[in-house]
Amino acid sequence: MSSSLGPQIARYRKQAGLSQKDLAALLGISSAALSQYENSKREPNLLVITSLARALNTTIDALLGLEPLPDLVAQNRGEYALLRHFRGLNALGQKRILGDIAGLGELPKYSGSAEDARLQQKTILTNDVKTVRKKPRKPL
């Protein structure tokens, strides 16, 4: 295993906005074990590494600090899905989606920090739930 695994775990955990206690609870391990992993005092097994990658929304390769393959530069599952769909488009579709993404990046609603995106998503989900609960009455 890479000696950089511990710092990588800590970095991705902090990027996700999780405390050691929260991440440990998600993984079903103790905070002490997670601390030992992050401080390179103990090596997690493959099952824990896999769970870490899922919980931190990244790949095992990224978590292990491995260089991405030249044709696969996605850093998490969301980016991987986008890349897979993008590659399924013809040249015209790829050109259009690149323009759409560039345009979205210029709008404050769609740009900003990961925390801004989480808050926006929470607002959207909350509004969706409220909309579903308010079913229109049937006319008599």
N, C-alpha and C. Protein backbone atom coordinates (compact mmCIF):
# COMPACT_ATOMS: atom_id res chain seq x y z
N MET A 1 0.84 -1.18 0.00
CA MET A 1 0.00 0.00 0.00
C MET A 1 0.89 1.25 0.00
N SER A 2 0.31 2.31 -0.45
CA SER A 2 1.03 3.57 -0.53
C SER A 2 1.10 4.22 0.84
N SER A 3 2.26 4.82 1.16
CA SER A 3 2.39 5.51 2.44
C SER A 3 1.57 6.80 2.45
N SER A 4 1.05 7.18 1.29
CA SER A 4 0.23 8.40 1.23
C SER A 4 -1.25 8.10 1.45
N LEU A 5 -1.60 6.85 1.72
CA LEU A 5 -3.01 6.51 1.90
C LEU A 5 -3.63 7.27 3.07
N GLY A 6 -2.96 7.31 4.20
CA GLY A 6 -3.50 8.01 5.37
C GLY A 6 -3.83 9.47 5.09
N PRO A 7 -2.87 10.24 4.59
CA PRO A 7 -3.17 11.63 4.27
C PRO A 7 -4.26 11.79 3.20
N GLN A 8 -4.32 10.84 2.26
CA GLN A 8 -5.37 10.89 1.23
C GLN A 8 -6.74 10.70 1.87
N ILE A 9 -6.84 9.76 2.81
CA ILE A 9 -8.11 9.54 3.50
C ILE A 9 -8.53 10.82 4.20
N ALA A 10 -7.59 11.42 4.92
CA ALA A 10 -7.89 12.66 5.66
C ALA A 10 -8.31 13.77 4.71
N ARG A 11 -7.61 13.89 3.59
CA ARG A 11 -7.92 14.96 2.63
C ARG A 11 -9.32 14.79 2.05
N TYR A 12 -9.64 13.58 1.60
CA TYR A 12 -10.96 13.35 1.03
C TYR A 12 -12.07 13.48 2.08
N ARG A 13 -11.78 13.08 3.31
CA ARG A 13 -12.77 13.22 4.39
C ARG A 13 -13.07 14.69 4.63
N LYS A 14 -12.03 15.50 4.69
CA LYS A 14 -12.22 16.94 4.92
C LYS A 14 -12.94 17.59 3.74
N GLN A 15 -12.60 17.17 2.52
CA GLN A 15 -13.29 17.70 1.33
C GLN A 15 -14.78 17.38 1.38
N ALA A 16 -15.11 16.22 1.95
CA ALA A 16 -16.51 15.82 2.05
C ALA A 16 -17.22 16.50 3.22
N GLY A 17 -16.46 17.24 4.04
CA GLY A 17 -17.05 17.94 5.17
C GLY A 17 -17.46 17.02 6.31
N LEU A 18 -16.75 15.90 6.45
CA LEU A 18 -17.07 14.92 7.49
C LEU A 18 -16.04 14.95 8.60
N SER A 19 -16.49 14.76 9.82
CA SER A 19 -15.57 14.59 10.94
C SER A 19 -15.12 13.13 10.95
N GLN A 20 -14.06 12.85 11.69
CA GLN A 20 -13.62 11.45 11.81
C GLN A 20 -14.73 10.60 12.41
N LYS A 21 -15.42 11.15 13.39
CA LYS A 21 -16.50 10.41 14.05
C LYS A 21 -17.62 10.08 13.05
N ASP A 22 -18.00 11.05 12.22
CA ASP A 22 -19.06 10.83 11.24
C ASP A 22 -18.67 9.78 10.20
N LEU A 23 -17.44 9.91 9.66
CA LEU A 23 -17.00 8.95 8.65
C LEU A 23 -16.88 7.55 9.26
N ALA A 24 -16.34 7.47 10.46
CA ALA A 24 -16.20 6.17 11.12
C ALA A 24 -17.58 5.52 11.30
N ALA A 25 -18.57 6.31 11.67
CA ALA A 25 -19.93 5.78 11.84
C ALA A 25 -20.48 5.27 10.51
N LEU A 26 -20.23 6.01 9.42
CA LEU A 26 -20.67 5.57 8.09
C LEU A 26 -20.04 4.23 7.71
N LEU A 27 -18.80 4.05 8.10
CA LEU A 27 -18.05 2.86 7.73
C LEU A 27 -18.29 1.69 8.68
N GLY A 28 -18.83 1.99 9.86
CA GLY A 28 -19.02 0.95 10.86
C GLY A 28 -17.72 0.55 11.55
N ILE A 29 -16.82 1.52 11.68
CA ILE A 29 -15.55 1.29 12.38
C ILE A 29 -15.42 2.32 13.50
N SER A 30 -14.44 2.15 14.36
CA SER A 30 -14.25 3.11 15.45
C SER A 30 -13.51 4.35 14.96
N SER A 31 -13.71 5.45 15.66
CA SER A 31 -12.98 6.69 15.35
C SER A 31 -11.49 6.47 15.53
N ALA A 32 -11.13 5.65 16.50
CA ALA A 32 -9.72 5.36 16.76
C ALA A 32 -9.08 4.66 15.56
N ALA A 33 -9.81 3.70 14.99
CA ALA A 33 -9.28 2.98 13.82
C ALA A 33 -9.09 3.96 12.65
N LEU A 34 -10.08 4.82 12.43
CA LEU A 34 -9.97 5.79 11.34
C LEU A 34 -8.79 6.72 11.57
N SER A 35 -8.62 7.16 12.79
CA SER A 35 -7.49 8.03 13.13
C SER A 35 -6.16 7.33 12.83
N GLN A 36 -6.08 6.05 13.15
CA GLN A 36 -4.85 5.29 12.87
C GLN A 36 -4.63 5.17 11.36
N TYR A 37 -5.70 4.99 10.59
CA TYR A 37 -5.55 4.95 9.13
C TYR A 37 -5.03 6.28 8.62
N GLU A 38 -5.65 7.38 9.08
CA GLU A 38 -5.28 8.71 8.59
C GLU A 38 -3.85 9.08 8.98
N ASN A 39 -3.37 8.57 10.10
CA ASN A 39 -2.03 8.88 10.57
C ASN A 39 -1.01 7.83 10.14
N SER A 40 -1.41 6.95 9.23
CA SER A 40 -0.55 5.89 8.67
C SER A 40 0.04 4.98 9.74
N LYS A 41 -0.68 4.79 10.84
CA LYS A 41 -0.23 3.89 11.90
C LYS A 41 -0.80 2.49 11.70
N ARG A 42 -1.79 2.39 10.83
CA ARG A 42 -2.46 1.13 10.56
C ARG A 42 -2.97 1.17 9.13
N GLU A 43 -2.94 0.02 8.44
CA GLU A 43 -3.40 -0.07 7.06
C GLU A 43 -4.80 -0.66 7.02
N PRO A 44 -5.75 0.01 6.35
CA PRO A 44 -7.09 -0.57 6.22
C PRO A 44 -7.06 -1.75 5.24
N ASN A 45 -7.96 -2.71 5.46
CA ASN A 45 -8.05 -3.83 4.53
C ASN A 45 -8.82 -3.39 3.28
N LEU A 46 -8.89 -4.27 2.30
CA LEU A 46 -9.52 -3.92 1.02
C LEU A 46 -10.99 -3.56 1.18
N LEU A 47 -11.69 -4.25 2.06
CA LEU A 47 -13.10 -3.95 2.29
C LEU A 47 -13.27 -2.53 2.83
N VAL A 48 -12.42 -2.12 3.76
CA VAL A 48 -12.49 -0.77 4.33
C VAL A 48 -12.11 0.27 3.27
N ILE A 49 -11.09 -0.04 2.47
CA ILE A 49 -10.69 0.89 1.41
C ILE A 49 -11.83 1.10 0.42
N THR A 50 -12.49 0.02 0.05
CA THR A 50 -13.64 0.11 -0.86
C THR A 50 -14.75 0.95 -0.24
N SER A 51 -15.04 0.71 1.03
CA SER A 51 -16.07 1.48 1.73
C SER A 51 -15.69 2.94 1.85
N LEU A 52 -14.41 3.21 2.10
CA LEU A 52 -13.93 4.59 2.17
C LEU A 52 -14.16 5.31 0.84
N ALA A 53 -13.79 4.66 -0.26
CA ALA A 53 -13.94 5.28 -1.57
C ALA A 53 -15.41 5.61 -1.84
N ARG A 54 -16.29 4.68 -1.51
CA ARG A 54 -17.73 4.93 -1.71
C ARG A 54 -18.22 6.07 -0.84
N ALA A 55 -17.87 6.02 0.44
CA ALA A 55 -18.35 7.04 1.38
C ALA A 55 -17.82 8.43 1.03
N LEU A 56 -16.62 8.48 0.48
CA LEU A 56 -15.99 9.76 0.15
C LEU A 56 -16.21 10.17 -1.30
N ASN A 57 -17.04 9.42 -2.00
CA ASN A 57 -17.40 9.72 -3.39
C ASN A 57 -16.17 9.90 -4.27
N THR A 58 -15.28 8.91 -4.20
CA THR A 58 -14.09 8.93 -5.03
C THR A 58 -13.80 7.52 -5.49
N THR A 59 -12.72 7.35 -6.23
CA THR A 59 -12.32 6.02 -6.68
C THR A 59 -11.25 5.47 -5.75
N ILE A 60 -11.08 4.16 -5.79
CA ILE A 60 -10.01 3.54 -5.00
C ILE A 60 -8.66 4.04 -5.49
N ASP A 61 -8.49 4.16 -6.82
CA ASP A 61 -7.23 4.67 -7.36
C ASP A 61 -6.90 6.05 -6.81
N ALA A 62 -7.90 6.95 -6.80
CA ALA A 62 -7.66 8.30 -6.29
C ALA A 62 -7.32 8.25 -4.80
N LEU A 63 -8.03 7.41 -4.06
CA LEU A 63 -7.78 7.30 -2.63
C LEU A 63 -6.37 6.78 -2.35
N LEU A 64 -5.91 5.88 -3.19
CA LEU A 64 -4.56 5.33 -3.03
C LEU A 64 -3.48 6.25 -3.59
N GLY A 65 -3.89 7.36 -4.21
CA GLY A 65 -2.93 8.31 -4.75
C GLY A 65 -2.30 7.85 -6.05
N LEU A 66 -2.97 6.94 -6.76
CA LEU A 66 -2.45 6.44 -8.03
C LEU A 66 -2.77 7.43 -9.13
N GLU A 67 -1.92 7.50 -10.11
CA GLU A 67 -2.14 8.38 -11.24
C GLU A 67 -3.32 7.85 -12.05
N PRO A 68 -4.22 8.73 -12.46
CA PRO A 68 -5.33 8.25 -13.31
C PRO A 68 -4.81 7.84 -14.68
N LEU A 69 -5.49 6.88 -15.28
CA LEU A 69 -5.13 6.49 -16.64
C LEU A 69 -5.39 7.66 -17.57
N PRO A 70 -4.59 7.83 -18.61
CA PRO A 70 -4.76 8.99 -19.50
C PRO A 70 -6.16 9.11 -20.09
N ASP A 71 -6.83 7.97 -20.36
CA ASP A 71 -8.15 8.06 -20.96
C ASP A 71 -9.27 8.06 -19.91
N LEU A 72 -8.93 8.00 -18.63
CA LEU A 72 -9.93 8.03 -17.57
C LEU A 72 -9.47 9.02 -16.51
N VAL A 73 -9.96 10.25 -16.59
CA VAL A 73 -9.49 11.29 -15.69
C VAL A 73 -10.54 11.66 -14.63
N ALA A 74 -11.63 10.93 -14.58
CA ALA A 74 -12.67 11.24 -13.61
C ALA A 74 -12.15 11.00 -12.20
N GLN A 75 -12.55 11.87 -11.27
CA GLN A 75 -12.08 11.78 -9.89
C GLN A 75 -13.13 11.21 -8.94
N ASN A 76 -14.37 11.08 -9.39
CA ASN A 76 -15.42 10.49 -8.56
C ASN A 76 -16.48 9.88 -9.47
N ARG A 77 -17.46 9.22 -8.86
CA ARG A 77 -18.48 8.53 -9.65
C ARG A 77 -19.29 9.46 -10.54
N GLY A 78 -19.60 10.65 -10.03
CA GLY A 78 -20.37 11.60 -10.82
C GLY A 78 -19.62 12.02 -12.08
N GLU A 79 -18.34 12.34 -11.92
CA GLU A 79 -17.53 12.72 -13.08
C GLU A 79 -17.38 11.54 -14.04
N TYR A 80 -17.24 10.34 -13.49
CA TYR A 80 -17.11 9.16 -14.33
C TYR A 80 -18.38 8.96 -15.17
N ALA A 81 -19.54 9.12 -14.54
CA ALA A 81 -20.80 8.97 -15.27
C ALA A 81 -20.91 10.02 -16.37
N LEU A 82 -20.54 11.26 -16.06
CA LEU A 82 -20.56 12.32 -17.08
C LEU A 82 -19.63 11.97 -18.25
N LEU A 83 -18.45 11.51 -17.92
CA LEU A 83 -17.48 11.17 -18.95
C LEU A 83 -17.98 10.02 -19.82
N ARG A 84 -18.57 9.02 -19.20
CA ARG A 84 -19.11 7.87 -19.94
C ARG A 84 -20.22 8.31 -20.90
N HIS A 85 -21.14 9.15 -20.40
CA HIS A 85 -22.22 9.65 -21.25
C HIS A 85 -21.68 10.56 -22.36
N PHE A 86 -20.71 11.39 -22.01
CA PHE A 86 -20.11 12.30 -22.99
C PHE A 86 -19.49 11.51 -24.14
N ARG A 87 -18.77 10.45 -23.79
CA ARG A 87 -18.12 9.65 -24.83
C ARG A 87 -19.11 8.90 -25.70
N GLY A 88 -20.33 8.74 -25.22
CA GLY A 88 -21.37 8.10 -26.01
C GLY A 88 -22.01 9.02 -27.04
N LEU A 89 -21.70 10.30 -26.97
CA LEU A 89 -22.27 11.28 -27.91
C LEU A 89 -21.41 11.40 -29.17
N ASN A 90 -22.04 11.80 -30.26
CA ASN A 90 -21.25 12.10 -31.46
C ASN A 90 -20.61 13.48 -31.30
N ALA A 91 -19.82 13.89 -32.28
CA ALA A 91 -19.08 15.16 -32.18
C ALA A 91 -20.01 16.35 -31.97
N LEU A 92 -21.16 16.34 -32.65
CA LEU A 92 -22.12 17.44 -32.50
C LEU A 92 -22.68 17.50 -31.08
N GLY A 93 -23.04 16.33 -30.54
CA GLY A 93 -23.55 16.27 -29.18
C GLY A 93 -22.51 16.70 -28.16
N GLN A 94 -21.26 16.28 -28.36
CA GLN A 94 -20.18 16.67 -27.45
C GLN A 94 -19.96 18.18 -27.48
N LYS A 95 -20.01 18.77 -28.68
CA LYS A 95 -19.83 20.22 -28.80
C LYS A 95 -20.94 20.95 -28.06
N ARG A 96 -22.17 20.47 -28.22
CA ARG A 96 -23.31 21.13 -27.57
C ARG A 96 -23.20 21.03 -26.05
N ILE A 97 -22.88 19.85 -25.54
CA ILE A 97 -22.83 19.69 -24.08
C ILE A 97 -21.70 20.53 -23.48
N LEU A 98 -20.59 20.65 -24.18
CA LEU A 98 -19.51 21.51 -23.69
C LEU A 98 -19.96 22.96 -23.59
N GLY A 99 -20.72 23.41 -24.59
CA GLY A 99 -21.26 24.77 -24.54
C GLY A 99 -22.24 24.94 -23.39
N ASP A 100 -23.10 23.92 -23.19
CA ASP A 100 -24.07 23.98 -22.09
C ASP A 100 -23.37 24.05 -20.73
N ILE A 101 -22.35 23.22 -20.56
CA ILE A 101 -21.62 23.20 -19.29
C ILE A 101 -20.92 24.53 -19.05
N ALA A 102 -20.31 25.08 -20.08
CA ALA A 102 -19.64 26.38 -19.95
C ALA A 102 -20.65 27.45 -19.55
N GLY A 103 -21.82 27.42 -20.15
CA GLY A 103 -22.85 28.39 -19.81
C GLY A 103 -23.33 28.25 -18.37
N LEU A 104 -23.50 27.01 -17.91
CA LEU A 104 -23.93 26.78 -16.52
C LEU A 104 -22.89 27.30 -15.53
N GLY A 105 -21.63 27.14 -15.87
CA GLY A 105 -20.56 27.58 -14.98
C GLY A 105 -20.53 29.08 -14.77
N GLU A 106 -21.15 29.82 -15.67
CA GLU A 106 -21.19 31.28 -15.54
C GLU A 106 -22.37 31.76 -14.70
N LEU A 107 -23.30 30.88 -14.38
CA LEU A 107 -24.46 31.25 -13.57
C LEU A 107 -24.19 30.99 -12.09
N PRO A 108 -24.41 31.99 -11.23
CA PRO A 108 -24.13 31.80 -9.81
C PRO A 108 -24.85 30.60 -9.19
N LYS A 109 -26.04 30.31 -9.68
CA LYS A 109 -26.81 29.19 -9.15
C LYS A 109 -26.07 27.86 -9.32
N TYR A 110 -25.26 27.75 -10.37
CA TYR A 110 -24.60 26.49 -10.69
C TYR A 110 -23.09 26.50 -10.47
N SER A 111 -22.56 27.58 -9.96
CA SER A 111 -21.12 27.62 -9.69
C SER A 111 -20.91 27.86 -8.21
N GLY A 112 -19.70 27.67 -7.76
CA GLY A 112 -19.40 27.90 -6.35
C GLY A 112 -18.81 26.67 -5.71
N SER A 113 -18.81 26.69 -4.41
CA SER A 113 -18.16 25.62 -3.65
C SER A 113 -19.03 24.38 -3.58
N ALA A 114 -18.43 23.30 -3.12
CA ALA A 114 -19.18 22.05 -2.93
C ALA A 114 -20.26 22.25 -1.87
N GLU A 115 -19.97 23.06 -0.86
CA GLU A 115 -20.96 23.33 0.19
C GLU A 115 -22.16 24.07 -0.41
N ASP A 116 -21.90 25.04 -1.30
CA ASP A 116 -23.00 25.74 -1.98
C ASP A 116 -23.87 24.75 -2.75
N ALA A 117 -23.21 23.80 -3.44
CA ALA A 117 -23.95 22.81 -4.22
C ALA A 117 -24.79 21.92 -3.32
N ARG A 118 -24.24 21.52 -2.16
CA ARG A 118 -25.00 20.68 -1.23
C ARG A 118 -26.21 21.42 -0.70
N LEU A 119 -26.04 22.69 -0.37
CA LEU A 119 -27.17 23.48 0.13
C LEU A 119 -28.23 23.65 -0.95
N GLN A 120 -27.80 23.89 -2.19
CA GLN A 120 -28.73 24.03 -3.30
C GLN A 120 -29.49 22.73 -3.51
N GLN A 121 -28.79 21.59 -3.48
CA GLN A 121 -29.45 20.29 -3.67
C GLN A 121 -30.44 20.03 -2.55
N LYS A 122 -30.07 20.38 -1.31
CA LYS A 122 -30.98 20.18 -0.18
C LYS A 122 -32.25 21.01 -0.36
N THR A 123 -32.10 22.24 -0.84
CA THR A 123 -33.25 23.11 -1.09
C THR A 123 -34.14 22.52 -2.16
N ILE A 124 -33.54 22.02 -3.23
CA ILE A 124 -34.32 21.42 -4.32
C ILE A 124 -35.09 20.21 -3.81
N LEU A 125 -34.41 19.34 -3.05
CA LEU A 125 -35.08 18.15 -2.53
C LEU A 125 -36.20 18.52 -1.58
N THR A 126 -35.98 19.51 -0.72
CA THR A 126 -37.01 19.95 0.21
C THR A 126 -38.22 20.48 -0.54
N ASN A 127 -37.98 21.28 -1.57
CA ASN A 127 -39.07 21.82 -2.37
C ASN A 127 -39.82 20.72 -3.12
N ASP A 128 -39.08 19.70 -3.61
CA ASP A 128 -39.73 18.59 -4.29
C ASP A 128 -40.65 17.83 -3.35
N VAL A 129 -40.20 17.62 -2.11
CA VAL A 129 -41.02 16.92 -1.12
C VAL A 129 -42.27 17.72 -0.82
N LYS A 130 -42.13 19.05 -0.67
CA LYS A 130 -43.30 19.90 -0.41
C LYS A 130 -44.28 19.85 -1.57
N THR A 131 -43.76 19.82 -2.80
CA THR A 131 -44.62 19.78 -3.98
C THR A 131 -45.40 18.46 -4.02
N VAL A 132 -44.74 17.35 -3.72
CA VAL A 132 -45.40 16.06 -3.73
C VAL A 132 -46.48 15.98 -2.68
N ARG A 133 -46.25 16.60 -1.51
CA ARG A 133 -47.23 16.56 -0.43
C ARG A 133 -48.46 17.39 -0.74
N LYS A 134 -48.31 18.41 -1.55
CA LYS A 134 -49.45 19.30 -1.89
C LYS A 134 -50.13 18.78 -3.15
N LYS A 135 -50.90 17.73 -3.00
CA LYS A 135 -51.62 17.17 -4.14
C LYS A 135 -52.85 18.03 -4.41
N PRO A 136 -53.11 18.30 -5.68
CA PRO A 136 -54.29 19.12 -5.99
C PRO A 136 -55.56 18.33 -5.66
N ARG A 137 -56.56 19.08 -5.20
CA ARG A 137 -57.85 18.46 -4.89
C ARG A 137 -58.60 18.20 -6.18
N LYS A 138 -59.33 17.11 -6.17
CA LYS A 138 -60.16 16.78 -7.32
C LYS A 138 -61.41 17.61 -7.30
N PRO A 139 -61.82 18.11 -8.48
CA PRO A 139 -63.06 18.90 -8.51
C PRO A 139 -64.26 18.01 -8.19
N LEU A 140 -65.26 18.62 -7.57
CA LEU A 140 -66.46 17.87 -7.20
C LEU A 140 -67.38 17.66 -8.34
